[in-house]
Amino acid sequence: MRILAIDPGANGGLAWTDADGQVFAEPMPGSMTEFVDRIREIKTELQFPLQAVVERVGGYMPGNSATAAVKFARHCGHIEAALYAIGVPAVEVSPQKWQKALGSMPREKAERKQAIKELMARRFPGIKVTLKTADALGILVWAEKREAKAVTRHRDTQP
C-alpha cells in the first residue's frame, strides 16, 4: 500500500513515495477539479493500492472570520468526498501526533513551520521543500513509520 499525505488548505500540499522509493511533494492543487485530476494521476502512476493520510484540522482559526472558517471546512469536506469518490480510503492524523514523531518542535507556529521545513529539507535533499509541502512531507514520514511498525507487528505474530 502506498501512502498519500495531504496537508489540506490553500497553503498545504501533497507528498508520496513511488514504488522505487522516490519521494515527491507538491503544493495543493488550486481547484477541486485539479485536485481530483491530480489524485487520479498519482493513483494511476503508483499502480498500488493507495491510502490517504490527511491532517485533521479544525474549522476555525483564531482571527479568521466565520465566512473563512466555513469556506475552509467545506474545502476539507470536498477533499474527503473526492478521495471517497476516487476510491482512495483516508485516515486523519492530528498535527500534534505527526509533529511529535518528528521530535521537539518550537511552540510558536511560524518557528515550528520553519523548523519542519528545515527538517524535511535535510531528510529529503533531492527535492525542493517549501512551506507548502513541508507539513505533507512530515505527515508522510509519520505515516510511513506507522506503516512499517504495523508490518513488523504483523510479521511478529505470524507462525
N, C-alpha and C. Protein backbone atom coordinates (compact mmCIF):
# COMPACT_ATOMS: atom_id res chain seq x y z
N MET A 1 0.85 -1.18 0.00
CA MET A 1 0.00 0.00 0.00
C MET A 1 0.89 1.23 0.00
N ARG A 2 0.56 2.18 -0.83
CA ARG A 2 1.26 3.46 -0.90
C ARG A 2 0.47 4.49 -0.12
N ILE A 3 1.19 5.45 0.44
CA ILE A 3 0.57 6.49 1.25
C ILE A 3 0.66 7.83 0.52
N LEU A 4 -0.45 8.53 0.51
CA LEU A 4 -0.51 9.90 0.01
C LEU A 4 -0.80 10.78 1.20
N ALA A 5 0.16 11.62 1.57
CA ALA A 5 -0.01 12.52 2.70
C ALA A 5 -0.58 13.84 2.20
N ILE A 6 -1.60 14.34 2.91
CA ILE A 6 -2.27 15.56 2.48
C ILE A 6 -2.35 16.55 3.63
N ASP A 7 -1.79 17.72 3.39
CA ASP A 7 -1.96 18.86 4.29
C ASP A 7 -2.98 19.76 3.60
N PRO A 8 -4.24 19.74 4.06
CA PRO A 8 -5.30 20.46 3.35
C PRO A 8 -5.14 21.98 3.45
N GLY A 9 -5.80 22.66 2.58
CA GLY A 9 -5.78 24.12 2.59
C GLY A 9 -4.99 24.68 1.43
N ALA A 10 -5.22 25.94 1.16
CA ALA A 10 -4.56 26.60 0.04
C ALA A 10 -3.05 26.62 0.20
N ASN A 11 -2.57 26.66 1.44
CA ASN A 11 -1.13 26.66 1.70
C ASN A 11 -0.61 25.28 2.07
N GLY A 12 -1.37 24.26 1.75
CA GLY A 12 -0.98 22.90 2.06
C GLY A 12 -0.32 22.22 0.88
N GLY A 13 -0.20 20.91 0.98
CA GLY A 13 0.46 20.19 -0.09
C GLY A 13 0.18 18.70 -0.05
N LEU A 14 0.79 18.01 -1.00
CA LEU A 14 0.69 16.57 -1.16
C LEU A 14 2.09 15.99 -1.12
N ALA A 15 2.24 14.77 -0.58
CA ALA A 15 3.53 14.09 -0.60
C ALA A 15 3.28 12.58 -0.68
N TRP A 16 4.15 11.87 -1.42
CA TRP A 16 4.02 10.44 -1.56
C TRP A 16 5.36 9.85 -2.00
N THR A 17 5.46 8.54 -1.88
CA THR A 17 6.64 7.80 -2.30
C THR A 17 6.23 6.84 -3.39
N ASP A 18 7.01 6.78 -4.47
CA ASP A 18 6.66 5.86 -5.54
C ASP A 18 7.24 4.47 -5.26
N ALA A 19 7.01 3.54 -6.18
CA ALA A 19 7.44 2.15 -6.00
C ALA A 19 8.95 2.01 -5.91
N ASP A 20 9.69 2.96 -6.47
CA ASP A 20 11.16 2.93 -6.43
C ASP A 20 11.73 3.61 -5.19
N GLY A 21 10.83 4.12 -4.32
CA GLY A 21 11.28 4.79 -3.11
C GLY A 21 11.56 6.27 -3.28
N GLN A 22 11.27 6.81 -4.47
CA GLN A 22 11.47 8.25 -4.69
C GLN A 22 10.31 9.03 -4.08
N VAL A 23 10.65 10.08 -3.34
CA VAL A 23 9.65 10.90 -2.67
C VAL A 23 9.31 12.10 -3.54
N PHE A 24 8.03 12.42 -3.58
CA PHE A 24 7.53 13.56 -4.33
C PHE A 24 6.72 14.45 -3.39
N ALA A 25 6.76 15.73 -3.64
CA ALA A 25 5.94 16.68 -2.88
C ALA A 25 5.59 17.84 -3.79
N GLU A 26 4.37 18.31 -3.65
CA GLU A 26 3.93 19.45 -4.45
C GLU A 26 2.85 20.21 -3.70
N PRO A 27 2.69 21.50 -4.02
CA PRO A 27 1.65 22.28 -3.36
C PRO A 27 0.25 21.75 -3.69
N MET A 28 -0.68 22.04 -2.81
CA MET A 28 -2.08 21.65 -3.02
C MET A 28 -2.56 22.24 -4.34
N PRO A 29 -3.19 21.41 -5.18
CA PRO A 29 -3.75 21.95 -6.43
C PRO A 29 -4.72 23.10 -6.14
N GLY A 30 -4.83 24.00 -7.10
CA GLY A 30 -5.59 25.24 -6.90
C GLY A 30 -7.10 25.10 -6.85
N SER A 31 -7.65 24.11 -7.52
CA SER A 31 -9.10 23.94 -7.53
C SER A 31 -9.45 22.49 -7.23
N MET A 32 -10.71 22.24 -6.95
CA MET A 32 -11.14 20.88 -6.65
C MET A 32 -11.00 20.00 -7.89
N THR A 33 -11.26 20.52 -9.07
CA THR A 33 -11.08 19.74 -10.30
C THR A 33 -9.63 19.35 -10.46
N GLU A 34 -8.72 20.29 -10.22
CA GLU A 34 -7.29 20.00 -10.31
C GLU A 34 -6.88 18.97 -9.25
N PHE A 35 -7.46 19.07 -8.07
CA PHE A 35 -7.17 18.11 -7.00
C PHE A 35 -7.58 16.70 -7.43
N VAL A 36 -8.80 16.56 -7.89
CA VAL A 36 -9.32 15.25 -8.31
C VAL A 36 -8.46 14.69 -9.44
N ASP A 37 -8.16 15.53 -10.43
CA ASP A 37 -7.33 15.06 -11.54
C ASP A 37 -5.95 14.62 -11.07
N ARG A 38 -5.35 15.37 -10.15
CA ARG A 38 -4.01 15.04 -9.68
C ARG A 38 -4.01 13.74 -8.86
N ILE A 39 -5.02 13.55 -8.02
CA ILE A 39 -5.09 12.33 -7.22
C ILE A 39 -5.29 11.12 -8.13
N ARG A 40 -6.12 11.27 -9.14
CA ARG A 40 -6.29 10.18 -10.12
C ARG A 40 -4.96 9.85 -10.81
N GLU A 41 -4.22 10.89 -11.20
CA GLU A 41 -2.92 10.67 -11.85
C GLU A 41 -1.96 9.94 -10.91
N ILE A 42 -1.88 10.38 -9.68
CA ILE A 42 -0.97 9.75 -8.71
C ILE A 42 -1.37 8.30 -8.50
N LYS A 43 -2.66 8.06 -8.35
CA LYS A 43 -3.15 6.68 -8.14
C LYS A 43 -2.79 5.80 -9.33
N THR A 44 -2.95 6.31 -10.53
CA THR A 44 -2.62 5.55 -11.74
C THR A 44 -1.11 5.31 -11.85
N GLU A 45 -0.31 6.34 -11.56
CA GLU A 45 1.14 6.22 -11.64
C GLU A 45 1.68 5.18 -10.67
N LEU A 46 1.13 5.14 -9.47
CA LEU A 46 1.65 4.24 -8.44
C LEU A 46 1.31 2.78 -8.70
N GLN A 47 0.19 2.51 -9.32
CA GLN A 47 -0.27 1.16 -9.61
C GLN A 47 -0.24 0.25 -8.38
N PHE A 48 -0.48 0.81 -7.23
CA PHE A 48 -0.58 0.09 -5.97
C PHE A 48 -1.81 0.61 -5.26
N PRO A 49 -2.36 -0.15 -4.34
CA PRO A 49 -3.43 0.42 -3.51
C PRO A 49 -2.89 1.68 -2.82
N LEU A 50 -3.71 2.68 -2.74
CA LEU A 50 -3.32 3.97 -2.18
C LEU A 50 -4.20 4.31 -0.99
N GLN A 51 -3.60 4.81 0.07
CA GLN A 51 -4.34 5.30 1.22
C GLN A 51 -3.90 6.73 1.48
N ALA A 52 -4.86 7.60 1.71
CA ALA A 52 -4.55 8.99 2.04
C ALA A 52 -4.49 9.14 3.55
N VAL A 53 -3.51 9.92 4.00
CA VAL A 53 -3.42 10.32 5.39
C VAL A 53 -3.55 11.84 5.38
N VAL A 54 -4.64 12.31 5.94
CA VAL A 54 -4.99 13.72 5.88
C VAL A 54 -4.84 14.34 7.26
N GLU A 55 -4.22 15.51 7.31
CA GLU A 55 -4.10 16.19 8.60
C GLU A 55 -5.49 16.60 9.08
N ARG A 56 -5.81 16.25 10.32
CA ARG A 56 -7.08 16.64 10.93
C ARG A 56 -6.96 18.10 11.36
N VAL A 57 -7.76 18.92 10.77
CA VAL A 57 -7.70 20.35 11.06
C VAL A 57 -9.04 20.82 11.61
N GLY A 58 -9.01 21.86 12.39
CA GLY A 58 -10.24 22.44 12.91
C GLY A 58 -10.87 23.34 11.86
N GLY A 59 -12.11 23.65 12.06
CA GLY A 59 -12.81 24.52 11.12
C GLY A 59 -12.60 26.00 11.41
N TYR A 60 -12.05 26.31 12.57
CA TYR A 60 -11.91 27.71 12.94
C TYR A 60 -10.48 28.00 13.37
N MET A 61 -9.94 29.06 12.84
CA MET A 61 -8.62 29.54 13.24
C MET A 61 -8.82 30.90 13.89
N PRO A 62 -8.26 31.12 15.06
CA PRO A 62 -8.40 32.44 15.69
C PRO A 62 -7.98 33.55 14.74
N GLY A 63 -8.81 34.55 14.64
CA GLY A 63 -8.53 35.67 13.75
C GLY A 63 -9.24 35.57 12.42
N ASN A 64 -9.68 34.37 12.04
CA ASN A 64 -10.41 34.21 10.78
C ASN A 64 -11.88 34.53 10.99
N SER A 65 -12.50 35.01 9.95
CA SER A 65 -13.93 35.29 10.01
C SER A 65 -14.72 33.98 9.95
N ALA A 66 -15.99 34.06 10.32
CA ALA A 66 -16.85 32.89 10.23
C ALA A 66 -16.95 32.42 8.78
N THR A 67 -16.99 33.35 7.84
CA THR A 67 -17.06 33.00 6.43
C THR A 67 -15.82 32.22 6.00
N ALA A 68 -14.65 32.64 6.46
CA ALA A 68 -13.41 31.94 6.12
C ALA A 68 -13.40 30.54 6.74
N ALA A 69 -13.90 30.42 7.96
CA ALA A 69 -13.94 29.13 8.62
C ALA A 69 -14.85 28.16 7.87
N VAL A 70 -16.00 28.66 7.44
CA VAL A 70 -16.94 27.82 6.69
C VAL A 70 -16.32 27.41 5.35
N LYS A 71 -15.67 28.33 4.68
CA LYS A 71 -15.03 28.04 3.39
C LYS A 71 -13.97 26.95 3.56
N PHE A 72 -13.15 27.06 4.61
CA PHE A 72 -12.10 26.07 4.85
C PHE A 72 -12.70 24.71 5.19
N ALA A 73 -13.73 24.69 6.04
CA ALA A 73 -14.37 23.44 6.41
C ALA A 73 -14.99 22.76 5.17
N ARG A 74 -15.58 23.55 4.30
CA ARG A 74 -16.14 22.98 3.07
C ARG A 74 -15.03 22.41 2.20
N HIS A 75 -13.90 23.11 2.11
CA HIS A 75 -12.76 22.63 1.33
C HIS A 75 -12.29 21.27 1.85
N CYS A 76 -12.18 21.13 3.17
CA CYS A 76 -11.76 19.86 3.76
C CYS A 76 -12.78 18.77 3.47
N GLY A 77 -14.06 19.11 3.52
CA GLY A 77 -15.11 18.15 3.17
C GLY A 77 -15.04 17.73 1.71
N HIS A 78 -14.71 18.68 0.85
CA HIS A 78 -14.57 18.36 -0.57
C HIS A 78 -13.42 17.37 -0.79
N ILE A 79 -12.32 17.57 -0.06
CA ILE A 79 -11.19 16.65 -0.16
C ILE A 79 -11.62 15.24 0.25
N GLU A 80 -12.31 15.13 1.37
CA GLU A 80 -12.79 13.82 1.82
C GLU A 80 -13.71 13.18 0.79
N ALA A 81 -14.63 13.97 0.25
CA ALA A 81 -15.58 13.44 -0.74
C ALA A 81 -14.86 13.02 -2.02
N ALA A 82 -13.89 13.81 -2.45
CA ALA A 82 -13.15 13.48 -3.67
C ALA A 82 -12.38 12.18 -3.48
N LEU A 83 -11.70 12.03 -2.35
CA LEU A 83 -10.97 10.79 -2.09
C LEU A 83 -11.92 9.59 -2.09
N TYR A 84 -13.06 9.75 -1.46
CA TYR A 84 -14.06 8.68 -1.41
C TYR A 84 -14.52 8.31 -2.82
N ALA A 85 -14.84 9.32 -3.63
CA ALA A 85 -15.35 9.08 -4.98
C ALA A 85 -14.30 8.42 -5.88
N ILE A 86 -13.04 8.73 -5.66
CA ILE A 86 -11.95 8.15 -6.45
C ILE A 86 -11.60 6.75 -5.96
N GLY A 87 -12.03 6.41 -4.77
CA GLY A 87 -11.74 5.10 -4.22
C GLY A 87 -10.44 5.04 -3.44
N VAL A 88 -10.09 6.16 -2.82
CA VAL A 88 -8.88 6.21 -2.00
C VAL A 88 -9.32 6.33 -0.54
N PRO A 89 -9.13 5.27 0.25
CA PRO A 89 -9.50 5.38 1.66
C PRO A 89 -8.63 6.42 2.35
N ALA A 90 -9.21 7.07 3.35
CA ALA A 90 -8.49 8.13 4.05
C ALA A 90 -8.60 7.95 5.55
N VAL A 91 -7.51 8.29 6.22
CA VAL A 91 -7.48 8.37 7.67
C VAL A 91 -6.96 9.75 8.03
N GLU A 92 -7.28 10.19 9.22
CA GLU A 92 -6.82 11.50 9.68
C GLU A 92 -5.78 11.34 10.76
N VAL A 93 -4.90 12.33 10.86
CA VAL A 93 -3.92 12.39 11.93
C VAL A 93 -3.88 13.83 12.43
N SER A 94 -3.83 13.98 13.73
CA SER A 94 -3.77 15.33 14.29
C SER A 94 -2.38 15.90 14.08
N PRO A 95 -2.28 17.23 13.97
CA PRO A 95 -0.96 17.84 13.82
C PRO A 95 -0.05 17.51 15.00
N GLN A 96 -0.61 17.45 16.20
CA GLN A 96 0.19 17.16 17.38
C GLN A 96 0.83 15.77 17.28
N LYS A 97 0.07 14.81 16.76
CA LYS A 97 0.56 13.44 16.70
C LYS A 97 1.71 13.29 15.70
N TRP A 98 1.52 13.80 14.46
CA TRP A 98 2.59 13.60 13.48
C TRP A 98 3.80 14.48 13.80
N GLN A 99 3.57 15.67 14.36
CA GLN A 99 4.70 16.55 14.70
C GLN A 99 5.52 15.96 15.86
N LYS A 100 4.85 15.31 16.80
CA LYS A 100 5.55 14.69 17.93
C LYS A 100 6.54 13.64 17.43
N ALA A 101 6.17 12.94 16.36
CA ALA A 101 7.05 11.90 15.81
C ALA A 101 8.32 12.49 15.19
N LEU A 102 8.31 13.79 14.90
CA LEU A 102 9.50 14.43 14.31
C LEU A 102 10.48 14.90 15.38
N GLY A 103 10.04 14.91 16.62
CA GLY A 103 10.92 15.36 17.70
C GLY A 103 10.44 16.69 18.26
N SER A 104 11.26 17.29 19.07
CA SER A 104 10.92 18.54 19.73
C SER A 104 10.74 19.67 18.71
N MET A 105 9.64 20.39 18.85
CA MET A 105 9.31 21.48 17.93
C MET A 105 9.07 22.77 18.71
N PRO A 106 9.38 23.92 18.09
CA PRO A 106 9.08 25.20 18.75
C PRO A 106 7.57 25.36 18.97
N ARG A 107 7.21 26.11 19.99
CA ARG A 107 5.79 26.34 20.30
C ARG A 107 5.16 27.34 19.33
N GLU A 108 5.90 28.36 18.98
CA GLU A 108 5.41 29.42 18.07
C GLU A 108 5.18 28.82 16.68
N LYS A 109 4.00 29.08 16.10
CA LYS A 109 3.62 28.45 14.84
C LYS A 109 4.60 28.77 13.70
N ALA A 110 4.97 30.02 13.53
CA ALA A 110 5.88 30.38 12.43
C ALA A 110 7.24 29.70 12.60
N GLU A 111 7.74 29.65 13.82
CA GLU A 111 9.02 28.99 14.08
C GLU A 111 8.90 27.47 13.86
N ARG A 112 7.76 26.91 14.25
CA ARG A 112 7.53 25.48 14.08
C ARG A 112 7.48 25.12 12.60
N LYS A 113 6.75 25.94 11.81
CA LYS A 113 6.66 25.70 10.36
C LYS A 113 8.05 25.72 9.72
N GLN A 114 8.86 26.70 10.12
CA GLN A 114 10.22 26.81 9.58
C GLN A 114 11.07 25.61 10.01
N ALA A 115 10.93 25.19 11.26
CA ALA A 115 11.69 24.04 11.75
C ALA A 115 11.32 22.77 10.99
N ILE A 116 10.03 22.59 10.73
CA ILE A 116 9.58 21.42 9.97
C ILE A 116 10.14 21.48 8.55
N LYS A 117 10.09 22.66 7.94
CA LYS A 117 10.64 22.83 6.59
C LYS A 117 12.12 22.46 6.55
N GLU A 118 12.88 22.96 7.50
CA GLU A 118 14.32 22.68 7.53
C GLU A 118 14.59 21.20 7.79
N LEU A 119 13.82 20.59 8.68
CA LEU A 119 13.98 19.17 8.97
C LEU A 119 13.69 18.31 7.73
N MET A 120 12.62 18.65 7.03
CA MET A 120 12.25 17.89 5.83
C MET A 120 13.26 18.12 4.70
N ALA A 121 13.80 19.34 4.61
CA ALA A 121 14.81 19.62 3.58
C ALA A 121 16.07 18.79 3.83
N ARG A 122 16.44 18.61 5.09
CA ARG A 122 17.60 17.76 5.42
C ARG A 122 17.29 16.29 5.15
N ARG A 123 16.08 15.88 5.45
CA ARG A 123 15.70 14.47 5.27
C ARG A 123 15.56 14.11 3.79
N PHE A 124 15.09 15.07 2.98
CA PHE A 124 14.85 14.83 1.55
C PHE A 124 15.64 15.84 0.72
N PRO A 125 16.97 15.70 0.66
CA PRO A 125 17.79 16.70 -0.03
C PRO A 125 17.56 16.74 -1.54
N GLY A 126 16.97 15.71 -2.10
CA GLY A 126 16.77 15.66 -3.55
C GLY A 126 15.54 16.38 -4.05
N ILE A 127 14.71 16.89 -3.14
CA ILE A 127 13.51 17.60 -3.60
C ILE A 127 13.47 18.99 -2.98
N LYS A 128 12.76 19.87 -3.67
CA LYS A 128 12.62 21.24 -3.17
C LYS A 128 11.49 21.25 -2.13
N VAL A 129 11.86 21.52 -0.89
CA VAL A 129 10.88 21.57 0.19
C VAL A 129 10.50 23.02 0.41
N THR A 130 9.20 23.29 0.42
CA THR A 130 8.69 24.64 0.65
C THR A 130 7.79 24.61 1.88
N LEU A 131 7.37 25.78 2.33
CA LEU A 131 6.43 25.83 3.44
C LEU A 131 5.12 25.13 3.08
N LYS A 132 4.77 25.13 1.78
CA LYS A 132 3.53 24.47 1.36
C LYS A 132 3.65 22.95 1.38
N THR A 133 4.85 22.42 1.18
CA THR A 133 4.99 20.96 1.10
C THR A 133 5.59 20.34 2.36
N ALA A 134 6.17 21.15 3.23
CA ALA A 134 6.87 20.60 4.40
C ALA A 134 5.96 19.78 5.31
N ASP A 135 4.77 20.28 5.62
CA ASP A 135 3.88 19.54 6.51
C ASP A 135 3.43 18.22 5.87
N ALA A 136 3.14 18.24 4.57
CA ALA A 136 2.75 17.00 3.90
C ALA A 136 3.88 15.98 3.99
N LEU A 137 5.11 16.43 3.84
CA LEU A 137 6.26 15.52 3.98
C LEU A 137 6.37 14.99 5.41
N GLY A 138 6.12 15.86 6.38
CA GLY A 138 6.14 15.42 7.78
C GLY A 138 5.06 14.38 8.05
N ILE A 139 3.89 14.58 7.49
CA ILE A 139 2.80 13.61 7.64
C ILE A 139 3.20 12.29 6.98
N LEU A 140 3.84 12.38 5.81
CA LEU A 140 4.31 11.18 5.12
C LEU A 140 5.32 10.41 5.96
N VAL A 141 6.26 11.11 6.57
CA VAL A 141 7.26 10.47 7.43
C VAL A 141 6.55 9.72 8.57
N TRP A 142 5.61 10.40 9.23
CA TRP A 142 4.88 9.77 10.33
C TRP A 142 4.11 8.53 9.83
N ALA A 143 3.40 8.68 8.71
CA ALA A 143 2.57 7.59 8.20
C ALA A 143 3.41 6.39 7.76
N GLU A 144 4.55 6.64 7.13
CA GLU A 144 5.40 5.53 6.69
C GLU A 144 6.03 4.81 7.89
N LYS A 145 6.38 5.56 8.94
CA LYS A 145 6.88 4.91 10.16
C LYS A 145 5.79 4.04 10.77
N ARG A 146 4.58 4.56 10.81
CA ARG A 146 3.44 3.82 11.36
C ARG A 146 3.19 2.55 10.55
N GLU A 147 3.25 2.67 9.24
CA GLU A 147 3.04 1.53 8.34
C GLU A 147 4.12 0.47 8.55
N ALA A 148 5.37 0.92 8.68
CA ALA A 148 6.49 -0.01 8.89
C ALA A 148 6.32 -0.76 10.21
N LYS A 149 5.88 -0.06 11.25
CA LYS A 149 5.65 -0.71 12.55
C LYS A 149 4.53 -1.74 12.44
N ALA A 150 3.49 -1.42 11.69
CA ALA A 150 2.36 -2.35 11.53
C ALA A 150 2.81 -3.61 10.80
N VAL A 151 3.64 -3.46 9.78
CA VAL A 151 4.13 -4.62 9.03
C VAL A 151 5.00 -5.48 9.94
N THR A 152 5.85 -4.86 10.74
CA THR A 152 6.72 -5.59 11.67
C THR A 152 5.88 -6.34 12.69
N ARG A 153 4.86 -5.67 13.27
CA ARG A 153 3.98 -6.34 14.23
C ARG A 153 3.28 -7.53 13.59
N HIS A 154 2.84 -7.34 12.34
CA HIS A 154 2.14 -8.41 11.63
C HIS A 154 3.07 -9.61 11.43
N ARG A 155 4.31 -9.35 11.01
CA ARG A 155 5.29 -10.42 10.81
C ARG A 155 5.59 -11.15 12.12
N ASP A 156 5.66 -10.38 13.20
CA ASP A 156 5.98 -10.99 14.51
C ASP A 156 4.87 -11.90 15.02
N THR A 157 3.66 -11.71 14.54
CA THR A 157 2.55 -12.54 15.02
C THR A 157 2.28 -13.74 14.11
N GLN A 158 2.99 -13.82 12.99
CA GLN A 158 2.81 -14.94 12.06
C GLN A 158 3.52 -16.18 12.59
N PRO A 159 2.90 -17.38 12.40
CA PRO A 159 3.53 -18.63 12.86
C PRO A 159 4.77 -18.96 12.04
